[in-house]
N, C-alpha and C. Protein backbone atom coordinates (compact mmCIF):
# COMPACT_ATOMS: atom_id res chain seq x y z
N UNK A 1 -24.70 98.72 97.60
CA UNK A 1 -24.30 98.33 98.93
C UNK A 1 -25.39 98.80 99.90
N UNK A 2 -25.85 97.93 100.76
CA UNK A 2 -26.91 98.29 101.70
C UNK A 2 -26.38 99.23 102.78
N UNK A 3 -27.32 99.93 103.42
CA UNK A 3 -26.93 100.86 104.50
C UNK A 3 -26.25 100.13 105.64
N UNK A 4 -26.71 98.90 105.96
CA UNK A 4 -26.09 98.13 107.04
C UNK A 4 -24.64 97.82 106.77
N UNK A 5 -24.33 97.44 105.52
CA UNK A 5 -22.93 97.15 105.16
C UNK A 5 -22.12 98.44 105.19
N UNK A 6 -22.69 99.54 104.68
CA UNK A 6 -21.98 100.82 104.70
C UNK A 6 -21.64 101.23 106.13
N UNK A 7 -22.59 101.04 107.04
CA UNK A 7 -22.35 101.40 108.44
C UNK A 7 -21.25 100.53 109.03
N UNK A 8 -21.29 99.23 108.76
CA UNK A 8 -20.25 98.34 109.29
C UNK A 8 -18.88 98.71 108.73
N UNK A 9 -18.83 99.00 107.42
CA UNK A 9 -17.54 99.37 106.83
C UNK A 9 -17.04 100.70 107.38
N UNK A 10 -17.93 101.65 107.56
CA UNK A 10 -17.52 102.94 108.13
C UNK A 10 -17.01 102.76 109.55
N UNK A 11 -17.70 101.92 110.33
CA UNK A 11 -17.25 101.66 111.70
C UNK A 11 -15.88 101.01 111.70
N UNK A 12 -15.66 100.11 110.78
CA UNK A 12 -14.37 99.43 110.70
C UNK A 12 -13.25 100.42 110.39
N UNK A 13 -13.53 101.36 109.52
CA UNK A 13 -12.52 102.35 109.14
C UNK A 13 -12.05 103.14 110.35
N UNK A 14 -12.97 103.47 111.24
CA UNK A 14 -12.64 104.32 112.37
C UNK A 14 -12.25 103.56 113.63
N UNK A 15 -12.45 102.26 113.69
CA UNK A 15 -12.22 101.56 114.95
C UNK A 15 -11.15 100.50 114.92
N UNK A 16 -10.54 100.24 113.80
CA UNK A 16 -9.55 99.18 113.76
C UNK A 16 -8.21 99.71 113.29
N UNK A 17 -7.18 99.01 113.67
CA UNK A 17 -5.83 99.38 113.26
C UNK A 17 -5.41 98.51 112.09
N UNK A 18 -4.70 99.09 111.15
CA UNK A 18 -4.27 98.35 109.98
C UNK A 18 -3.20 97.34 110.35
N UNK A 19 -3.33 96.15 109.79
CA UNK A 19 -2.32 95.15 110.01
C UNK A 19 -1.52 94.87 108.75
N UNK A 20 -2.12 94.89 107.59
CA UNK A 20 -1.36 94.60 106.39
C UNK A 20 -2.19 94.66 105.14
N UNK A 21 -1.49 94.54 104.00
CA UNK A 21 -2.19 94.53 102.72
C UNK A 21 -1.38 93.73 101.71
N UNK A 22 -2.03 93.37 100.59
CA UNK A 22 -1.39 92.54 99.58
C UNK A 22 -1.71 93.06 98.20
N UNK A 23 -0.76 92.93 97.27
CA UNK A 23 -1.06 93.37 95.92
C UNK A 23 -0.51 92.52 94.80
N UNK A 24 0.55 91.78 94.99
CA UNK A 24 1.08 90.99 93.87
C UNK A 24 1.37 89.56 94.30
N UNK A 25 1.26 88.60 93.37
CA UNK A 25 1.38 87.19 93.75
C UNK A 25 2.77 86.73 94.13
N UNK A 26 3.82 87.52 93.95
CA UNK A 26 5.16 87.08 94.28
C UNK A 26 5.38 86.88 95.77
N UNK A 27 4.41 87.30 96.61
CA UNK A 27 4.54 87.11 98.06
C UNK A 27 4.87 85.67 98.38
N UNK A 28 4.21 84.73 97.70
CA UNK A 28 4.40 83.32 98.03
C UNK A 28 5.82 82.85 97.70
N UNK A 29 6.53 83.60 96.87
CA UNK A 29 7.89 83.22 96.51
C UNK A 29 8.92 83.75 97.49
N UNK A 30 8.48 84.49 98.48
CA UNK A 30 9.42 85.05 99.46
C UNK A 30 9.76 86.48 99.12
N UNK A 31 10.79 86.98 99.75
CA UNK A 31 11.23 88.33 99.46
C UNK A 31 10.95 89.30 100.58
N UNK A 32 9.80 89.22 101.20
CA UNK A 32 9.49 90.07 102.34
C UNK A 32 10.03 89.44 103.61
N UNK A 33 10.52 90.26 104.51
CA UNK A 33 10.97 89.77 105.81
C UNK A 33 9.79 89.76 106.76
N UNK A 34 9.25 88.59 107.05
CA UNK A 34 8.10 88.45 107.95
C UNK A 34 8.60 88.25 109.36
N UNK A 35 7.98 88.95 110.31
CA UNK A 35 8.29 88.76 111.72
C UNK A 35 6.99 88.62 112.50
N UNK A 36 7.03 87.84 113.56
CA UNK A 36 5.89 87.70 114.43
C UNK A 36 5.83 88.95 115.30
N UNK A 37 4.81 89.77 115.09
CA UNK A 37 4.79 91.08 115.76
C UNK A 37 3.64 91.25 116.76
N UNK A 38 2.69 90.33 116.78
CA UNK A 38 1.59 90.44 117.73
C UNK A 38 0.94 89.07 117.93
N UNK A 39 0.06 89.01 118.90
CA UNK A 39 -0.64 87.75 119.17
C UNK A 39 -1.60 87.44 118.04
N UNK A 40 -1.76 86.15 117.74
CA UNK A 40 -2.73 85.78 116.70
C UNK A 40 -4.16 86.07 117.17
N UNK A 41 -5.00 86.34 116.21
CA UNK A 41 -6.42 86.56 116.48
C UNK A 41 -7.19 85.44 115.80
N UNK A 42 -7.92 84.67 116.58
CA UNK A 42 -8.60 83.49 116.06
C UNK A 42 -9.85 83.83 115.25
N UNK A 43 -10.56 84.87 115.64
CA UNK A 43 -11.80 85.20 114.94
C UNK A 43 -11.48 86.07 113.71
N UNK A 44 -11.80 85.53 112.54
CA UNK A 44 -11.56 86.25 111.29
C UNK A 44 -12.91 86.52 110.63
N UNK A 45 -13.12 87.75 110.26
CA UNK A 45 -14.33 88.18 109.58
C UNK A 45 -13.92 88.57 108.16
N UNK A 46 -14.48 87.88 107.15
CA UNK A 46 -14.16 88.16 105.76
C UNK A 46 -15.20 89.11 105.18
N UNK A 47 -14.74 90.19 104.56
CA UNK A 47 -15.61 91.15 103.89
C UNK A 47 -15.27 91.10 102.41
N UNK A 48 -16.26 90.69 101.61
CA UNK A 48 -16.07 90.58 100.17
C UNK A 48 -16.81 91.71 99.46
N UNK A 49 -16.16 92.30 98.47
CA UNK A 49 -16.77 93.37 97.68
C UNK A 49 -16.06 93.43 96.33
N UNK A 50 -16.54 94.30 95.48
CA UNK A 50 -15.91 94.50 94.19
C UNK A 50 -14.49 95.04 94.39
N UNK A 51 -13.56 94.69 93.50
CA UNK A 51 -12.17 95.15 93.65
C UNK A 51 -12.03 96.66 93.83
N UNK A 52 -12.83 97.45 93.12
CA UNK A 52 -12.71 98.91 93.25
C UNK A 52 -13.10 99.39 94.65
N UNK A 53 -14.07 98.73 95.28
CA UNK A 53 -14.48 99.08 96.64
C UNK A 53 -13.39 98.68 97.63
N UNK A 54 -12.84 97.48 97.47
CA UNK A 54 -11.76 97.01 98.34
C UNK A 54 -10.57 97.95 98.24
N UNK A 55 -10.21 98.35 97.03
CA UNK A 55 -9.07 99.27 96.85
C UNK A 55 -9.29 100.57 97.60
N UNK A 56 -10.49 101.15 97.49
CA UNK A 56 -10.78 102.41 98.19
C UNK A 56 -10.73 102.23 99.70
N UNK A 57 -11.32 101.15 100.20
CA UNK A 57 -11.29 100.90 101.64
C UNK A 57 -9.86 100.74 102.14
N UNK A 58 -9.09 99.90 101.46
CA UNK A 58 -7.72 99.63 101.91
C UNK A 58 -6.85 100.87 101.81
N UNK A 59 -7.03 101.67 100.78
CA UNK A 59 -6.27 102.92 100.69
C UNK A 59 -6.64 103.85 101.84
N UNK A 60 -7.89 103.86 102.26
CA UNK A 60 -8.28 104.72 103.37
C UNK A 60 -7.65 104.25 104.68
N UNK A 61 -7.45 102.93 104.84
CA UNK A 61 -6.81 102.40 106.05
C UNK A 61 -5.31 102.72 106.06
N UNK A 62 -4.68 102.65 104.89
CA UNK A 62 -3.23 102.76 104.83
C UNK A 62 -2.72 104.14 104.45
N UNK A 63 -3.61 105.02 103.99
CA UNK A 63 -3.22 106.36 103.53
C UNK A 63 -2.18 106.25 102.42
N UNK A 64 -2.36 105.29 101.54
CA UNK A 64 -1.44 105.08 100.42
C UNK A 64 -2.21 105.13 99.11
N UNK A 65 -2.86 106.23 98.86
CA UNK A 65 -3.67 106.40 97.66
C UNK A 65 -2.82 106.25 96.40
N UNK A 66 -3.41 105.65 95.38
CA UNK A 66 -2.72 105.50 94.11
C UNK A 66 -1.87 104.26 94.00
N UNK A 67 -1.89 103.39 94.98
CA UNK A 67 -1.11 102.16 94.93
C UNK A 67 -1.96 101.04 94.34
N UNK A 68 -1.38 99.88 94.23
CA UNK A 68 -2.05 98.73 93.64
C UNK A 68 -2.50 97.73 94.71
N UNK A 69 -3.09 98.21 95.78
CA UNK A 69 -3.53 97.34 96.86
C UNK A 69 -4.70 96.49 96.40
N UNK A 70 -4.61 95.19 96.64
CA UNK A 70 -5.66 94.25 96.25
C UNK A 70 -6.52 93.80 97.42
N UNK A 71 -6.00 93.86 98.65
CA UNK A 71 -6.71 93.40 99.84
C UNK A 71 -6.01 93.98 101.06
N UNK A 72 -6.67 93.90 102.21
CA UNK A 72 -6.02 94.34 103.44
C UNK A 72 -6.68 93.66 104.63
N UNK A 73 -5.98 93.71 105.76
CA UNK A 73 -6.50 93.14 107.00
C UNK A 73 -6.41 94.20 108.09
N UNK A 74 -7.43 94.26 108.93
CA UNK A 74 -7.43 95.15 110.08
C UNK A 74 -7.65 94.31 111.33
N UNK A 75 -7.15 94.80 112.45
CA UNK A 75 -7.21 94.02 113.70
C UNK A 75 -7.73 94.87 114.84
N UNK A 76 -8.55 94.24 115.68
CA UNK A 76 -8.88 94.79 116.99
C UNK A 76 -8.28 93.78 117.98
N UNK A 77 -8.60 93.90 119.24
CA UNK A 77 -8.11 92.94 120.22
C UNK A 77 -8.70 91.55 120.02
N UNK A 78 -9.89 91.47 119.42
CA UNK A 78 -10.58 90.18 119.33
C UNK A 78 -10.94 89.72 117.93
N UNK A 79 -10.93 90.62 116.96
CA UNK A 79 -11.36 90.26 115.60
C UNK A 79 -10.37 90.77 114.57
N UNK A 80 -10.07 89.93 113.61
CA UNK A 80 -9.28 90.35 112.45
C UNK A 80 -10.25 90.37 111.26
N UNK A 81 -10.33 91.49 110.59
CA UNK A 81 -11.23 91.63 109.45
C UNK A 81 -10.39 91.72 108.18
N UNK A 82 -10.69 90.82 107.24
CA UNK A 82 -9.97 90.79 105.97
C UNK A 82 -10.91 91.28 104.87
N UNK A 83 -10.44 92.27 104.13
CA UNK A 83 -11.20 92.84 103.02
C UNK A 83 -10.63 92.28 101.72
N UNK A 84 -11.48 91.56 100.98
CA UNK A 84 -11.04 90.86 99.77
C UNK A 84 -12.01 91.09 98.61
N UNK A 85 -11.48 91.11 97.38
CA UNK A 85 -12.40 91.07 96.24
C UNK A 85 -13.06 89.69 96.17
N UNK A 86 -14.23 89.64 95.62
CA UNK A 86 -14.98 88.37 95.55
C UNK A 86 -14.19 87.27 94.84
N UNK A 87 -13.38 87.61 93.89
CA UNK A 87 -12.64 86.62 93.10
C UNK A 87 -11.15 86.56 93.48
N UNK A 88 -10.82 86.90 94.70
CA UNK A 88 -9.41 86.95 95.13
C UNK A 88 -8.75 85.58 95.02
N UNK A 89 -7.53 85.53 94.49
CA UNK A 89 -6.80 84.27 94.46
C UNK A 89 -6.44 83.82 95.88
N UNK A 90 -6.20 82.54 96.03
CA UNK A 90 -5.89 81.97 97.34
C UNK A 90 -4.67 82.62 98.00
N UNK A 91 -3.67 83.02 97.21
CA UNK A 91 -2.46 83.59 97.80
C UNK A 91 -2.76 84.90 98.53
N UNK A 92 -3.72 85.68 98.02
CA UNK A 92 -4.07 86.94 98.69
C UNK A 92 -4.72 86.64 100.04
N UNK A 93 -5.65 85.71 100.04
CA UNK A 93 -6.31 85.33 101.30
C UNK A 93 -5.29 84.82 102.30
N UNK A 94 -4.35 83.98 101.84
CA UNK A 94 -3.31 83.44 102.73
C UNK A 94 -2.42 84.55 103.29
N UNK A 95 -2.09 85.53 102.45
CA UNK A 95 -1.26 86.67 102.89
C UNK A 95 -1.95 87.42 104.02
N UNK A 96 -3.22 87.73 103.83
CA UNK A 96 -3.96 88.48 104.85
C UNK A 96 -4.17 87.66 106.11
N UNK A 97 -4.40 86.36 105.97
CA UNK A 97 -4.56 85.49 107.14
C UNK A 97 -3.26 85.44 107.95
N UNK A 98 -2.13 85.57 107.27
CA UNK A 98 -0.86 85.59 107.99
C UNK A 98 -0.78 86.83 108.89
N UNK A 99 -1.31 87.97 108.41
CA UNK A 99 -1.37 89.16 109.26
C UNK A 99 -2.27 88.89 110.47
N UNK A 100 -3.40 88.20 110.26
CA UNK A 100 -4.31 87.88 111.38
C UNK A 100 -3.62 86.96 112.40
N UNK A 101 -2.70 86.14 111.91
CA UNK A 101 -1.97 85.23 112.79
C UNK A 101 -0.86 85.93 113.57
N UNK A 102 -0.71 87.25 113.35
CA UNK A 102 0.26 88.02 114.12
C UNK A 102 1.53 88.37 113.37
N UNK A 103 1.63 87.98 112.12
CA UNK A 103 2.84 88.23 111.33
C UNK A 103 2.72 89.55 110.58
N UNK A 104 3.84 90.21 110.40
CA UNK A 104 3.90 91.43 109.61
C UNK A 104 5.20 91.42 108.81
N UNK A 105 5.21 92.16 107.73
CA UNK A 105 6.43 92.23 106.92
C UNK A 105 7.05 93.61 107.05
N UNK A 106 8.38 93.64 106.89
CA UNK A 106 9.11 94.90 106.99
C UNK A 106 8.71 95.81 105.83
N UNK A 107 8.64 97.08 106.14
CA UNK A 107 8.33 98.05 105.09
C UNK A 107 7.03 97.69 104.40
N UNK A 108 6.95 98.06 103.16
CA UNK A 108 5.76 97.76 102.38
C UNK A 108 5.82 96.40 101.72
N UNK A 109 7.01 95.79 101.68
CA UNK A 109 7.13 94.49 101.04
C UNK A 109 6.50 94.50 99.68
N UNK A 110 5.67 93.52 99.42
CA UNK A 110 4.97 93.45 98.14
C UNK A 110 3.67 94.22 98.16
N UNK A 111 3.34 94.79 99.31
CA UNK A 111 2.00 95.37 99.47
C UNK A 111 1.73 96.52 98.51
N UNK A 112 2.74 97.29 98.17
CA UNK A 112 2.48 98.49 97.40
C UNK A 112 3.13 98.46 96.02
N UNK A 113 3.54 97.33 95.56
CA UNK A 113 4.17 97.24 94.24
C UNK A 113 3.13 97.31 93.15
């Protein structure tokens, strides 16, 4: 990982608020109670990395070490940043984009299963 990417990721860790995370494909089947909790953010920045790097980053955002987090989204007032593994299935990307659109699920939902 280049120094520029490391700096951007470190800045993201300290400057953005966590919006959500995803870990299992059953999200698309329902089960979580989704509510519109904030305004949508149109600008989405996708950060792709190896799954082990994404897991470490997302655990640092959520303080939920040892879980099976596959991806996560963070939000500022103007940008939503989605952290995904390079080979993420479409359902994970859709789950995180829903957080960028202002939706959140009650509790951990499927995020920590």
